Amino acid sequence: MPEKKKRKENETSAIPIKRICLCSVIGSALFFLELILFSAAELKFAFGKDFYLPAGIIAAVISSFAAGFAAVFKQKKNALANGAVTGMIEAVISDVFLAIISGGSVGKGLGFVALASIISGAIGGVVAANVKKKIKY
């Protein structure tokens, strides 16, 4: 009779807190890297002050999607919730650092950036749960 395989404790946990937090921190770093690239583009092409909010939302969407995708890709359970939590933690980390950098004066658009992070993190989690492995022939 074949022996039963032992399951790893990390694979059976309902909420992978460690993975979610790690992906949120990496997503926040990606967010600030994207903001640096957008700032360099603004200096080069002088888009004006109307450029900042769309650039922040685009950076938040891309980084949160990637973080939500990475957080859910291995486990593929509770995809919507885990992706949204990843986006929320990333939004909190990013918003705190943005407030510190700006000296405490943050604009009204920060709420939109946080909302975009949460929604795109949830979408990234759902996409990661639905990705299927390629079949090798």
Protein backbone atom coordinates (compact mmCIF):
# COMPACT_ATOMS: atom_id res chain seq x y z
CA MET A 1 0.00 0.00 0.00
CA PRO A 2 1.49 3.39 -0.98
CA GLU A 3 2.40 5.79 1.77
CA LYS A 4 0.47 9.01 2.12
CA LYS A 5 2.39 12.12 1.28
CA LYS A 6 2.83 14.54 4.15
CA ARG A 7 1.47 17.98 3.49
CA LYS A 8 3.52 21.00 4.27
CA GLU A 9 2.03 23.28 6.90
CA ASN A 10 2.38 26.38 4.71
CA GLU A 11 0.36 24.90 1.87
CA THR A 12 -2.65 24.11 4.01
CA SER A 13 -2.95 27.44 5.80
CA ALA A 14 -6.10 29.33 4.88
CA ILE A 15 -4.46 32.76 4.89
CA PRO A 16 -0.82 32.92 3.78
CA ILE A 17 0.04 36.01 5.86
CA LYS A 18 3.79 35.79 5.30
CA ARG A 19 3.44 35.62 1.52
CA ILE A 20 0.86 38.42 1.43
CA CYS A 21 3.06 40.75 3.49
CA LEU A 22 6.16 39.97 1.45
CA CYS A 23 4.35 40.57 -1.83
CA SER A 24 2.90 43.81 -0.46
CA VAL A 25 6.35 45.12 0.46
CA ILE A 26 7.74 44.14 -2.95
CA GLY A 27 4.71 45.74 -4.61
CA SER A 28 5.31 48.96 -2.67
CA ALA A 29 8.93 49.00 -3.82
CA LEU A 30 7.73 48.50 -7.40
CA PHE A 31 5.24 51.36 -6.92
CA PHE A 32 7.99 53.77 -5.88
CA LEU A 33 10.23 52.59 -8.71
CA GLU A 34 7.42 53.35 -11.15
CA LEU A 35 6.91 56.76 -9.55
CA ILE A 36 10.60 57.50 -10.04
CA LEU A 37 10.31 56.57 -13.72
CA PHE A 38 7.19 58.73 -14.14
CA SER A 39 8.98 61.61 -12.39
CA ALA A 40 11.92 61.29 -14.75
CA ALA A 41 9.53 61.35 -17.72
CA GLU A 42 7.82 64.44 -16.31
CA LEU A 43 11.16 66.22 -15.94
CA LYS A 44 12.13 65.32 -19.49
CA PHE A 45 8.85 66.20 -21.21
CA ALA A 46 7.28 68.74 -18.75
CA PHE A 47 3.73 67.34 -18.74
CA GLY A 48 2.52 69.66 -15.98
CA LYS A 49 0.83 69.12 -12.65
CA ASP A 50 -2.19 67.34 -14.19
CA PHE A 51 0.15 64.41 -14.87
CA TYR A 52 0.67 63.39 -11.22
CA LEU A 53 -2.69 61.78 -10.35
CA PRO A 54 -2.97 59.60 -13.48
CA ALA A 55 0.67 58.57 -13.10
CA GLY A 56 0.09 57.60 -9.46
CA ILE A 57 -3.01 55.60 -10.35
CA ILE A 58 -1.23 53.81 -13.20
CA ALA A 59 1.72 52.99 -10.94
CA ALA A 60 -0.63 51.74 -8.21
CA VAL A 61 -2.59 49.55 -10.64
CA ILE A 62 0.49 47.93 -12.15
CA SER A 63 2.29 47.30 -8.85
CA SER A 64 -0.81 46.06 -7.00
CA PHE A 65 -1.78 43.74 -9.84
CA ALA A 66 1.71 42.23 -9.77
CA ALA A 67 1.67 41.92 -5.98
CA GLY A 68 -1.80 40.33 -5.91
CA PHE A 69 -0.81 37.95 -8.69
CA ALA A 70 2.35 36.89 -6.88
CA ALA A 71 0.57 36.45 -3.55
CA VAL A 72 -2.08 34.10 -4.94
CA PHE A 73 -0.17 32.28 -7.70
CA LYS A 74 1.19 29.38 -5.61
CA GLN A 75 -1.78 28.63 -3.38
CA LYS A 76 -4.71 29.60 -5.65
CA LYS A 77 -7.16 29.70 -2.74
CA ASN A 78 -9.24 32.67 -1.59
CA ALA A 79 -7.96 34.56 -4.60
CA LEU A 80 -10.21 37.61 -4.40
CA ALA A 81 -9.74 38.14 -0.66
CA ASN A 82 -5.99 37.48 -0.63
CA GLY A 83 -5.42 39.75 -3.63
CA ALA A 84 -7.50 42.54 -2.09
CA VAL A 85 -5.67 42.23 1.25
CA THR A 86 -2.35 42.37 -0.59
CA GLY A 87 -3.47 45.52 -2.42
CA MET A 88 -4.75 47.05 0.83
CA ILE A 89 -1.50 46.42 2.71
CA GLU A 90 0.47 47.78 -0.22
CA ALA A 91 -1.74 50.89 -0.30
CA VAL A 92 -1.20 51.48 3.43
CA ILE A 93 2.57 51.07 3.12
CA SER A 94 2.74 53.35 0.08
CA ASP A 95 0.43 55.98 1.58
CA VAL A 96 2.43 56.13 4.81
CA PHE A 97 5.69 56.58 2.92
CA LEU A 98 4.13 59.17 0.61
CA ALA A 99 2.88 61.10 3.64
CA ILE A 100 6.32 60.95 5.25
CA ILE A 101 8.06 62.06 2.05
CA SER A 102 5.66 64.94 1.44
CA GLY A 103 5.84 66.17 5.03
CA GLY A 104 2.30 65.18 5.92
CA SER A 105 0.51 67.10 3.20
CA VAL A 106 -1.20 64.62 0.92
CA GLY A 107 -3.75 65.45 -1.73
CA LYS A 108 -7.28 64.23 -2.34
CA GLY A 109 -6.07 61.80 -5.00
CA LEU A 110 -4.40 59.54 -2.45
CA GLY A 111 -7.75 57.88 -1.75
CA PHE A 112 -8.17 57.11 -5.45
CA VAL A 113 -4.69 55.64 -5.57
CA ALA A 114 -5.48 53.43 -2.54
CA LEU A 115 -8.78 52.30 -4.07
CA ALA A 116 -7.03 51.49 -7.35
CA SER A 117 -4.47 49.44 -5.41
CA ILE A 118 -7.11 47.37 -3.64
CA ILE A 119 -9.17 46.71 -6.77
CA SER A 120 -6.19 45.83 -8.97
CA GLY A 121 -4.72 43.59 -6.26
CA ALA A 122 -8.01 41.68 -6.15
CA ILE A 123 -8.06 41.40 -9.94
CA GLY A 124 -4.44 40.18 -9.93
CA GLY A 125 -5.36 37.52 -7.38
CA VAL A 126 -8.30 36.30 -9.46
CA VAL A 127 -6.16 36.19 -12.62
CA ALA A 128 -3.46 34.23 -10.77
CA ALA A 129 -6.01 31.69 -9.56
CA ASN A 130 -7.26 31.13 -13.09
CA VAL A 131 -3.88 30.68 -14.76
CA LYS A 132 -3.42 27.10 -15.82
CA LYS A 133 -0.14 25.29 -16.30
CA LYS A 134 0.93 24.58 -19.84
CA ILE A 135 0.71 20.96 -20.86
CA LYS A 136 4.03 19.67 -22.17
CA TYR A 137 3.79 17.08 -24.91
